Amino acid sequence: MNGLSDVRLTLHSQELAAGQEKGLRSATLRNAPSGLSRWALFWHRLHTRKALLELTPEQLRDVGLSREQAREEGLKPFWRL
């Protein structure tokens, strides 16, 4: 394996461990539309996270998120769960 693959595997294993600890990984995957390719899933995450940053306080209250929670999720890179 080259160095990039080793780094990718390490990061992926860390993300999996973090997602399992929080119980969020399966919830995140369930919220994405089924049948998306990897790039379509990344595109979906990018746009939904950007939209999350633009929600009004009333809309955030409707979905049960604080401004800080929405900001934290909205600023995550698209490749992170």
C-alpha atoms as a PDB file:
ATOM      1  CA  MET A   1       0.000   0.000   0.000  1.00  0.00           C
ATOM      2  CA  ASN A   2       1.121   3.549  -0.549  1.00  0.00           C
ATOM      3  CA  GLY A   3       1.130   6.203   2.185  1.00  0.00           C
ATOM      4  CA  LEU A   4      -2.137   7.737   1.064  1.00  0.00           C
ATOM      5  CA  SER A   5      -3.991   4.452   1.405  1.00  0.00           C
ATOM      6  CA  ASP A   6      -2.579   3.931   4.887  1.00  0.00           C
ATOM      7  CA  VAL A   7      -3.730   7.395   5.938  1.00  0.00           C
ATOM      8  CA  ARG A   8      -7.163   6.833   4.437  1.00  0.00           C
ATOM      9  CA  LEU A   9      -7.569   3.525   6.236  1.00  0.00           C
ATOM     10  CA  THR A  10      -6.470   5.048   9.523  1.00  0.00           C
ATOM     11  CA  LEU A  11      -8.868   7.982   9.185  1.00  0.00           C
ATOM     12  CA  HIS A  12     -11.703   5.710   8.126  1.00  0.00           C
ATOM     13  CA  SER A  13     -11.174   3.397  11.090  1.00  0.00           C
ATOM     14  CA  GLN A  14     -11.121   6.390  13.453  1.00  0.00           C
ATOM     15  CA  GLU A  15     -14.359   7.738  11.983  1.00  0.00           C
ATOM     16  CA  LEU A  16     -16.000   4.335  12.296  1.00  0.00           C
ATOM     17  CA  ALA A  17     -14.922   4.027  15.917  1.00  0.00           C
ATOM     18  CA  ALA A  18     -16.163   7.531  16.697  1.00  0.00           C
ATOM     19  CA  GLY A  19     -19.490   6.881  14.962  1.00  0.00           C
ATOM     20  CA  GLN A  20     -20.033   3.628  16.814  1.00  0.00           C
ATOM     21  CA  GLU A  21     -19.233   5.257  20.138  1.00  0.00           C
ATOM     22  CA  LYS A  22     -21.804   7.956  19.548  1.00  0.00           C
ATOM     23  CA  GLY A  23     -24.298   5.695  17.816  1.00  0.00           C
ATOM     24  CA  LEU A  24     -24.561   8.206  14.991  1.00  0.00           C
ATOM     25  CA  ARG A  25     -23.129   6.308  12.058  1.00  0.00           C
ATOM     26  CA  SER A  26     -26.180   4.177  11.350  1.00  0.00           C
ATOM     27  CA  ALA A  27     -28.523   7.113  11.914  1.00  0.00           C
ATOM     28  CA  THR A  28     -26.568   9.219   9.436  1.00  0.00           C
ATOM     29  CA  LEU A  29     -26.614   6.511   6.803  1.00  0.00           C
ATOM     30  CA  ARG A  30     -30.355   5.976   7.259  1.00  0.00           C
ATOM     31  CA  ASN A  31     -31.077   9.664   6.615  1.00  0.00           C
ATOM     32  CA  ALA A  32     -29.390   9.688   3.219  1.00  0.00           C
ATOM     33  CA  PRO A  33     -31.444   8.659   0.200  1.00  0.00           C
ATOM     34  CA  SER A  34     -30.854   5.031  -0.688  1.00  0.00           C
ATOM     35  CA  GLY A  35     -29.002   3.987  -3.829  1.00  0.00           C
ATOM     36  CA  LEU A  36     -26.640   6.942  -3.973  1.00  0.00           C
ATOM     37  CA  SER A  37     -23.148   6.492  -5.322  1.00  0.00           C
ATOM     38  CA  ARG A  38     -20.274   7.639  -3.138  1.00  0.00           C
ATOM     39  CA  TRP A  39     -20.007  10.956  -5.000  1.00  0.00           C
ATOM     40  CA  ALA A  40     -23.760  11.508  -4.924  1.00  0.00           C
ATOM     41  CA  LEU A  41     -23.724  10.891  -1.170  1.00  0.00           C
ATOM     42  CA  PHE A  42     -20.896  13.432  -0.780  1.00  0.00           C
ATOM     43  CA  TRP A  43     -22.851  15.928  -2.912  1.00  0.00           C
ATOM     44  CA  HIS A  44     -25.971  15.322  -0.804  1.00  0.00           C
ATOM     45  CA  ARG A  45     -24.042  15.890   2.438  1.00  0.00           C
ATOM     46  CA  LEU A  46     -22.424  19.066   1.088  1.00  0.00           C
ATOM     47  CA  HIS A  47     -25.735  20.639   0.123  1.00  0.00           C
ATOM     48  CA  THR A  48     -27.736  19.564   3.159  1.00  0.00           C
ATOM     49  CA  ARG A  49     -25.008  20.808   5.494  1.00  0.00           C
ATOM     50  CA  LYS A  50     -24.919  24.170   3.704  1.00  0.00           C
ATOM     51  CA  ALA A  51     -28.707  24.384   3.984  1.00  0.00           C
ATOM     52  CA  LEU A  52     -28.488  23.657   7.697  1.00  0.00           C
ATOM     53  CA  LEU A  53     -26.353  26.772   8.158  1.00  0.00           C
ATOM     54  CA  GLU A  54     -29.059  28.904   6.544  1.00  0.00           C
ATOM     55  CA  LEU A  55     -32.003  27.806   8.702  1.00  0.00           C
ATOM     56  CA  THR A  56     -33.804  30.423  10.778  1.00  0.00           C
ATOM     57  CA  PRO A  57     -34.116  30.049  14.557  1.00  0.00           C
ATOM     58  CA  GLU A  58     -37.747  28.950  14.120  1.00  0.00           C
ATOM     59  CA  GLN A  59     -36.771  26.261  11.618  1.00  0.00           C
ATOM     60  CA  LEU A  60     -33.995  25.024  13.890  1.00  0.00           C
ATOM     61  CA  ARG A  61     -36.475  24.795  16.756  1.00  0.00           C
ATOM     62  CA  ASP A  62     -38.790  22.732  14.515  1.00  0.00           C
ATOM     63  CA  VAL A  63     -36.059  20.175  13.835  1.00  0.00           C
ATOM     64  CA  GLY A  64     -34.884  20.220  17.452  1.00  0.00           C
ATOM     65  CA  LEU A  65     -31.416  21.695  16.986  1.00  0.00           C
ATOM     66  CA  SER A  66     -29.670  24.602  18.646  1.00  0.00           C
ATOM     67  CA  ARG A  67     -27.754  27.139  16.567  1.00  0.00           C
ATOM     68  CA  GLU A  68     -24.486  25.665  17.896  1.00  0.00           C
ATOM     69  CA  GLN A  69     -25.476  22.094  16.944  1.00  0.00           C
ATOM     70  CA  ALA A  70     -26.466  23.238  13.450  1.00  0.00           C
ATOM     71  CA  ARG A  71     -23.218  25.171  13.077  1.00  0.00           C
ATOM     72  CA  GLU A  72     -21.144  22.194  14.227  1.00  0.00           C
ATOM     73  CA  GLU A  73     -22.847  19.848  11.756  1.00  0.00           C
ATOM     74  CA  GLY A  74     -22.956  22.396   8.934  1.00  0.00           C
ATOM     75  CA  LEU A  75     -19.227  23.086   9.101  1.00  0.00           C
ATOM     76  CA  LYS A  76     -18.210  19.426   8.931  1.00  0.00           C
ATOM     77  CA  PRO A  77     -16.444  18.402   5.726  1.00  0.00           C
ATOM     78  CA  PHE A  78     -18.661  16.432   3.336  1.00  0.00           C
ATOM     79  CA  TRP A  79     -16.560  13.290   3.714  1.00  0.00           C
ATOM     80  CA  ARG A  80     -17.188  13.021   7.472  1.00  0.00           C
ATOM     81  CA  LEU A  81     -20.209  11.285   8.929  1.00  0.00           C
END
